[in-house]
N, C-alpha and C. Protein backbone atom coordinates (compact mmCIF):
# COMPACT_ATOMS: atom_id res chain seq x y z
N UNK A 1 -12.45 19.79 -21.70
CA UNK A 1 -10.99 20.02 -21.60
C UNK A 1 -10.38 19.62 -23.02
N UNK A 2 -9.53 20.43 -23.46
CA UNK A 2 -8.95 20.15 -24.77
C UNK A 2 -7.85 19.04 -24.58
N UNK A 3 -7.52 18.56 -25.81
CA UNK A 3 -6.44 17.43 -25.73
C UNK A 3 -5.25 17.98 -25.21
N UNK A 4 -4.81 19.12 -25.45
CA UNK A 4 -3.52 19.83 -25.01
C UNK A 4 -3.71 19.89 -23.44
N UNK A 5 -4.82 20.27 -22.93
CA UNK A 5 -4.98 20.36 -21.58
C UNK A 5 -4.95 19.06 -20.80
N UNK A 6 -5.41 18.12 -21.43
CA UNK A 6 -5.36 16.76 -20.92
C UNK A 6 -3.82 16.32 -20.85
N UNK A 7 -3.16 16.52 -22.00
CA UNK A 7 -1.65 16.26 -22.03
C UNK A 7 -1.03 16.85 -21.02
N UNK A 8 -1.15 18.16 -20.82
CA UNK A 8 -0.34 19.08 -19.78
C UNK A 8 -0.76 18.41 -18.31
N UNK A 9 -1.94 17.94 -18.12
CA UNK A 9 -2.35 17.51 -16.83
C UNK A 9 -1.69 16.31 -16.44
N UNK A 10 -1.61 15.33 -17.46
CA UNK A 10 -0.95 14.12 -17.10
C UNK A 10 0.46 14.21 -17.08
N UNK A 11 1.03 15.18 -17.89
CA UNK A 11 2.59 15.41 -17.78
C UNK A 11 2.85 16.00 -16.32
N UNK A 12 2.05 16.97 -15.93
CA UNK A 12 2.17 17.57 -14.65
C UNK A 12 2.16 16.52 -13.47
N UNK A 13 1.12 15.67 -13.56
CA UNK A 13 0.95 14.60 -12.60
C UNK A 13 2.25 13.66 -12.56
N UNK A 14 2.75 13.26 -13.70
CA UNK A 14 3.90 12.44 -13.82
C UNK A 14 5.19 13.06 -13.44
N UNK A 15 5.31 14.38 -13.44
CA UNK A 15 6.34 15.16 -13.07
C UNK A 15 6.37 15.32 -11.52
N UNK A 16 5.16 15.39 -10.97
CA UNK A 16 5.00 15.40 -9.53
C UNK A 16 5.47 13.98 -8.87
N UNK A 17 5.05 12.98 -9.73
CA UNK A 17 5.40 11.62 -9.38
C UNK A 17 6.89 11.49 -9.24
N UNK A 18 7.59 12.07 -10.24
CA UNK A 18 8.93 11.98 -10.25
C UNK A 18 9.69 12.83 -9.25
N UNK A 19 9.07 13.97 -8.85
CA UNK A 19 9.57 14.74 -7.68
C UNK A 19 9.57 13.80 -6.38
N UNK A 20 8.42 13.13 -6.19
CA UNK A 20 8.13 12.19 -5.12
C UNK A 20 9.29 11.20 -5.12
N UNK A 21 9.42 10.65 -6.28
CA UNK A 21 10.50 9.60 -6.44
C UNK A 21 11.86 10.11 -6.13
N UNK A 22 12.13 11.27 -6.55
CA UNK A 22 13.50 11.83 -6.15
C UNK A 22 13.71 11.91 -4.70
N UNK A 23 12.70 12.26 -3.98
CA UNK A 23 12.84 12.35 -2.43
C UNK A 23 13.01 11.05 -2.00
N UNK A 24 12.38 10.08 -2.46
CA UNK A 24 12.45 8.66 -1.94
C UNK A 24 13.84 8.08 -2.29
N UNK A 25 14.26 8.52 -3.47
CA UNK A 25 15.53 8.02 -4.04
C UNK A 25 16.70 8.60 -3.07
N UNK A 26 16.60 9.95 -2.76
CA UNK A 26 17.58 10.58 -1.76
C UNK A 26 17.47 9.95 -0.44
N UNK A 27 16.27 9.74 0.01
CA UNK A 27 16.14 9.01 1.49
C UNK A 27 16.93 7.61 1.45
N UNK A 28 16.56 6.95 0.47
CA UNK A 28 17.09 5.53 0.46
C UNK A 28 18.55 5.57 0.28
N UNK A 29 18.99 6.45 -0.62
CA UNK A 29 20.59 6.64 -0.81
C UNK A 29 21.23 7.02 0.45
N UNK A 30 20.52 7.87 1.24
CA UNK A 30 21.27 8.37 2.44
C UNK A 30 21.29 7.09 3.38
N UNK A 31 20.16 6.36 3.56
CA UNK A 31 20.10 5.29 4.56
C UNK A 31 21.11 4.03 4.06
N UNK A 32 21.41 4.08 2.72
CA UNK A 32 22.20 3.02 2.20
C UNK A 32 23.76 3.29 2.73
N UNK A 33 24.03 4.44 2.81
CA UNK A 33 25.50 4.79 3.41
C UNK A 33 25.77 4.16 4.69
N UNK A 34 24.65 4.10 5.60
CA UNK A 34 24.96 3.57 6.91
C UNK A 34 24.55 2.19 6.92
N UNK A 35 23.98 1.45 5.97
CA UNK A 35 23.43 0.13 6.04
C UNK A 35 24.52 -0.97 5.77
N UNK A 36 24.31 -2.16 6.34
CA UNK A 36 25.24 -3.26 6.04
C UNK A 36 24.34 -4.39 5.77
N UNK A 37 24.92 -5.39 5.14
CA UNK A 37 24.39 -6.79 4.97
C UNK A 37 23.01 -6.73 4.28
N UNK A 38 22.16 -7.53 4.79
CA UNK A 38 20.90 -7.67 4.25
C UNK A 38 20.20 -6.41 4.13
N UNK A 39 20.18 -5.55 5.18
CA UNK A 39 19.51 -4.18 5.00
C UNK A 39 20.06 -3.51 3.86
N UNK A 40 21.28 -3.31 3.61
CA UNK A 40 21.77 -2.67 2.51
C UNK A 40 21.25 -3.34 1.22
N UNK A 41 21.33 -4.57 1.16
CA UNK A 41 20.68 -5.21 -0.17
C UNK A 41 19.19 -4.83 -0.31
N UNK A 42 18.43 -4.76 0.81
CA UNK A 42 16.95 -4.48 0.62
C UNK A 42 16.94 -2.84 0.21
N UNK A 43 17.73 -2.18 0.78
CA UNK A 43 17.52 -0.57 0.36
C UNK A 43 17.95 -0.49 -1.08
N UNK A 44 19.12 -1.23 -1.35
CA UNK A 44 19.62 -1.09 -2.88
C UNK A 44 18.39 -1.58 -3.84
N UNK A 45 17.92 -2.51 -3.29
CA UNK A 45 16.67 -3.10 -4.21
C UNK A 45 15.48 -2.00 -4.31
N UNK A 46 15.17 -1.44 -3.14
CA UNK A 46 14.15 -0.21 -3.24
C UNK A 46 14.60 0.93 -4.26
N UNK A 47 16.06 1.25 -4.14
CA UNK A 47 16.47 2.20 -5.07
C UNK A 47 16.35 1.87 -6.48
N UNK A 48 16.65 0.59 -6.76
CA UNK A 48 16.44 0.11 -8.11
C UNK A 48 15.03 0.13 -8.73
N UNK A 49 14.08 -0.10 -7.83
CA UNK A 49 12.65 -0.05 -7.94
C UNK A 49 12.12 1.47 -8.28
N UNK A 50 12.64 2.36 -7.35
CA UNK A 50 12.29 3.73 -7.44
C UNK A 50 12.99 4.38 -8.80
N UNK A 51 14.15 3.90 -9.15
CA UNK A 51 14.69 4.45 -10.33
C UNK A 51 14.03 3.99 -11.63
N UNK A 52 13.50 2.61 -11.50
CA UNK A 52 12.78 2.25 -12.70
C UNK A 52 11.48 2.87 -12.89
N UNK A 53 10.84 3.10 -11.82
CA UNK A 53 9.56 3.86 -11.70
C UNK A 53 9.73 5.25 -12.31
N UNK A 54 10.81 5.98 -11.95
CA UNK A 54 11.24 7.30 -12.46
C UNK A 54 11.36 7.22 -14.04
N UNK A 55 12.20 6.23 -14.35
CA UNK A 55 12.58 6.15 -15.84
C UNK A 55 11.31 5.97 -16.63
N UNK A 56 10.55 4.98 -16.09
CA UNK A 56 9.14 4.88 -16.83
C UNK A 56 8.29 5.95 -17.05
N UNK A 57 8.31 6.82 -15.87
CA UNK A 57 7.53 8.11 -15.98
C UNK A 57 8.23 9.10 -16.99
N UNK A 58 9.50 9.10 -16.99
CA UNK A 58 10.19 10.02 -17.99
C UNK A 58 9.89 9.55 -19.55
N UNK A 59 9.88 8.25 -19.61
CA UNK A 59 9.49 7.77 -21.02
C UNK A 59 8.02 8.11 -21.31
N UNK A 60 7.21 7.94 -20.40
CA UNK A 60 5.73 8.43 -20.64
C UNK A 60 5.59 9.88 -21.01
N UNK A 61 6.34 10.61 -20.23
CA UNK A 61 6.28 12.13 -20.44
C UNK A 61 6.89 12.44 -21.87
N UNK A 62 7.84 11.71 -22.27
CA UNK A 62 8.42 11.93 -23.66
C UNK A 62 7.40 11.46 -24.72
N UNK A 63 6.72 10.46 -24.37
CA UNK A 63 5.76 10.11 -25.53
C UNK A 63 4.48 10.97 -25.39
N UNK A 64 4.08 11.48 -24.35
CA UNK A 64 2.88 12.45 -24.27
C UNK A 64 3.40 13.77 -24.97
N UNK A 65 4.53 14.18 -24.83
CA UNK A 65 5.06 15.50 -25.44
C UNK A 65 5.14 15.29 -27.01
N UNK A 66 5.49 14.07 -27.46
CA UNK A 66 5.50 13.76 -28.99
C UNK A 66 4.21 13.46 -29.50
N UNK A 67 3.07 13.45 -28.70
CA UNK A 67 1.67 13.24 -29.10
C UNK A 67 1.47 11.81 -29.56
N UNK A 68 2.42 10.89 -29.19
CA UNK A 68 2.12 9.41 -29.44
C UNK A 68 1.02 8.82 -28.83
N UNK A 69 0.67 9.45 -27.64
CA UNK A 69 -0.26 8.86 -26.70
C UNK A 69 -1.76 9.65 -26.73
N UNK A 70 -1.77 10.64 -27.90
CA UNK A 70 -2.87 11.36 -27.99
C UNK A 70 -4.32 10.53 -27.88
N UNK A 71 -4.20 9.32 -28.61
CA UNK A 71 -5.52 8.67 -28.69
C UNK A 71 -5.73 8.08 -27.24
N UNK A 72 -4.92 7.98 -26.28
CA UNK A 72 -5.22 7.53 -24.98
C UNK A 72 -6.03 8.61 -24.34
N UNK A 73 -5.97 9.74 -24.77
CA UNK A 73 -6.57 10.92 -23.88
C UNK A 73 -7.85 11.37 -24.48
N UNK A 74 -8.15 10.69 -25.65
CA UNK A 74 -9.55 11.11 -26.29
C UNK A 74 -10.56 10.44 -25.47
């Protein structure tokens, strides 16, 4: 497998992770609308975690696209 193929494979995986995260975020945001008190705080916390996970993946995708992580794929 070439370096470019490896890079595209990892990027595709991270993009799929983000699609999953988007579905989780939508589900939790919908639940948050009806939640109150402690439940609302717990759901908001989950939203924060999923958003951070998604942002990390986006950052990693950017670094993969810039070739900064090529040595990780060798």
